[in-house]
């Protein structure tokens, strides 16, 4: 996964509240928006997918996985 996308996903996870949702989209064209099927799956595995999520649709509404929010709370 490109470094910028890794950082963006980490930041979304950091600021997303336990009950919050985020809209992820693959709408930008190459070179900035090129994400293959494997990378898209890697992005989504860090979230609980609420809607969408398929590579064909190129979007997903996600929330923080419960176990990640529990781990974060134990840190703070």
C-alpha atoms as a PDB file:
ATOM      1  CA  UNK A   1       0.000   0.000   0.000  1.00  0.00           C
ATOM      2  CA  UNK A   2       1.343   3.432  -0.866  1.00  0.00           C
ATOM      3  CA  UNK A   3       2.710   5.275   2.175  1.00  0.00           C
ATOM      4  CA  UNK A   4       0.272   8.155   1.807  1.00  0.00           C
ATOM      5  CA  UNK A   5      -2.681   5.781   1.798  1.00  0.00           C
ATOM      6  CA  UNK A   6      -1.336   3.891   4.816  1.00  0.00           C
ATOM      7  CA  UNK A   7      -1.011   7.166   6.688  1.00  0.00           C
ATOM      8  CA  UNK A   8      -4.508   8.242   5.639  1.00  0.00           C
ATOM      9  CA  UNK A   9      -6.048   4.958   6.819  1.00  0.00           C
ATOM     10  CA  UNK A  10      -4.180   5.221  10.137  1.00  0.00           C
ATOM     11  CA  UNK A  11      -5.423   8.777  10.616  1.00  0.00           C
ATOM     12  CA  UNK A  12      -9.031   7.795   9.865  1.00  0.00           C
ATOM     13  CA  UNK A  13      -8.792   5.023  12.466  1.00  0.00           C
ATOM     14  CA  UNK A  14      -7.242   7.421  14.972  1.00  0.00           C
ATOM     15  CA  UNK A  15      -9.911  10.112  14.736  1.00  0.00           C
ATOM     16  CA  UNK A  16     -12.990   7.981  14.076  1.00  0.00           C
ATOM     17  CA  UNK A  17     -15.130   7.687  17.188  1.00  0.00           C
ATOM     18  CA  UNK A  18     -16.409   4.285  18.242  1.00  0.00           C
ATOM     19  CA  UNK A  19     -19.905   5.107  16.970  1.00  0.00           C
ATOM     20  CA  UNK A  20     -18.696   7.094  13.953  1.00  0.00           C
ATOM     21  CA  UNK A  21     -18.610   6.135  10.297  1.00  0.00           C
ATOM     22  CA  UNK A  22     -16.368   7.129   7.398  1.00  0.00           C
ATOM     23  CA  UNK A  23     -16.991   7.104   3.649  1.00  0.00           C
ATOM     24  CA  UNK A  24     -14.042   5.705   1.681  1.00  0.00           C
ATOM     25  CA  UNK A  25     -13.927   6.143  -2.078  1.00  0.00           C
ATOM     26  CA  UNK A  26     -11.658   5.245  -4.997  1.00  0.00           C
ATOM     27  CA  UNK A  27     -12.878   8.102  -7.185  1.00  0.00           C
ATOM     28  CA  UNK A  28      -9.555   9.745  -8.078  1.00  0.00           C
ATOM     29  CA  UNK A  29      -7.806   8.617 -11.244  1.00  0.00           C
ATOM     30  CA  UNK A  30      -4.225   7.359 -11.552  1.00  0.00           C
ATOM     31  CA  UNK A  31      -1.610   7.981 -10.262  1.00  0.00           C
ATOM     32  CA  UNK A  32      -3.213   9.283  -7.045  1.00  0.00           C
ATOM     33  CA  UNK A  33      -6.295   7.110  -7.016  1.00  0.00           C
ATOM     34  CA  UNK A  34      -4.981   3.845  -8.379  1.00  0.00           C
ATOM     35  CA  UNK A  35      -5.744   1.117  -5.879  1.00  0.00           C
ATOM     36  CA  UNK A  36      -5.881  -2.487  -7.026  1.00  0.00           C
ATOM     37  CA  UNK A  37      -8.186  -5.145  -5.607  1.00  0.00           C
ATOM     38  CA  UNK A  38      -5.557  -6.456  -3.158  1.00  0.00           C
ATOM     39  CA  UNK A  39      -4.778  -3.017  -1.739  1.00  0.00           C
ATOM     40  CA  UNK A  40      -8.492  -2.165  -1.412  1.00  0.00           C
ATOM     41  CA  UNK A  41      -8.996  -5.352   0.617  1.00  0.00           C
ATOM     42  CA  UNK A  42      -6.036  -4.390   2.852  1.00  0.00           C
ATOM     43  CA  UNK A  43      -7.586  -0.965   3.467  1.00  0.00           C
ATOM     44  CA  UNK A  44     -10.969  -2.454   4.358  1.00  0.00           C
ATOM     45  CA  UNK A  45      -9.623  -5.199   6.636  1.00  0.00           C
ATOM     46  CA  UNK A  46      -8.857  -2.560   9.236  1.00  0.00           C
ATOM     47  CA  UNK A  47     -12.521  -1.510   9.433  1.00  0.00           C
ATOM     48  CA  UNK A  48     -15.979  -2.956   9.890  1.00  0.00           C
ATOM     49  CA  UNK A  49     -17.715  -2.455   6.506  1.00  0.00           C
ATOM     50  CA  UNK A  50     -21.263  -1.132   6.959  1.00  0.00           C
ATOM     51  CA  UNK A  51     -22.213  -0.616   3.288  1.00  0.00           C
ATOM     52  CA  UNK A  52     -20.618  -1.104  -0.110  1.00  0.00           C
ATOM     53  CA  UNK A  53     -17.075  -2.337   0.086  1.00  0.00           C
ATOM     54  CA  UNK A  54     -16.788  -4.234  -3.159  1.00  0.00           C
ATOM     55  CA  UNK A  55     -13.948  -3.281  -5.478  1.00  0.00           C
ATOM     56  CA  UNK A  56     -16.464  -2.891  -8.318  1.00  0.00           C
ATOM     57  CA  UNK A  57     -18.472  -0.292  -6.396  1.00  0.00           C
ATOM     58  CA  UNK A  58     -15.287   1.614  -5.446  1.00  0.00           C
ATOM     59  CA  UNK A  59     -16.717   2.916  -2.168  1.00  0.00           C
ATOM     60  CA  UNK A  60     -17.469   1.789   1.365  1.00  0.00           C
ATOM     61  CA  UNK A  61     -19.025   3.147   4.543  1.00  0.00           C
ATOM     62  CA  UNK A  62     -16.945   1.872   7.423  1.00  0.00           C
ATOM     63  CA  UNK A  63     -16.641   2.045  11.185  1.00  0.00           C
ATOM     64  CA  UNK A  64     -13.901   1.088  13.613  1.00  0.00           C
ATOM     65  CA  UNK A  65     -13.716  -2.615  14.422  1.00  0.00           C
ATOM     66  CA  UNK A  66     -14.814  -3.233  17.998  1.00  0.00           C
ATOM     67  CA  UNK A  67     -11.562  -4.904  19.059  1.00  0.00           C
ATOM     68  CA  UNK A  68      -9.535  -1.945  17.754  1.00  0.00           C
ATOM     69  CA  UNK A  69     -11.615   0.578  19.672  1.00  0.00           C
ATOM     70  CA  UNK A  70     -11.202  -1.536  22.837  1.00  0.00           C
ATOM     71  CA  UNK A  71      -7.430  -1.641  22.334  1.00  0.00           C
ATOM     72  CA  UNK A  72      -7.311   2.114  21.781  1.00  0.00           C
ATOM     73  CA  UNK A  73      -9.287   2.792  24.962  1.00  0.00           C
ATOM     74  CA  UNK A  74      -6.877   0.667  26.978  1.00  0.00           C
ATOM     75  CA  UNK A  75      -3.994   2.872  25.765  1.00  0.00           C
ATOM     76  CA  UNK A  76      -5.574   6.181  26.840  1.00  0.00           C
END
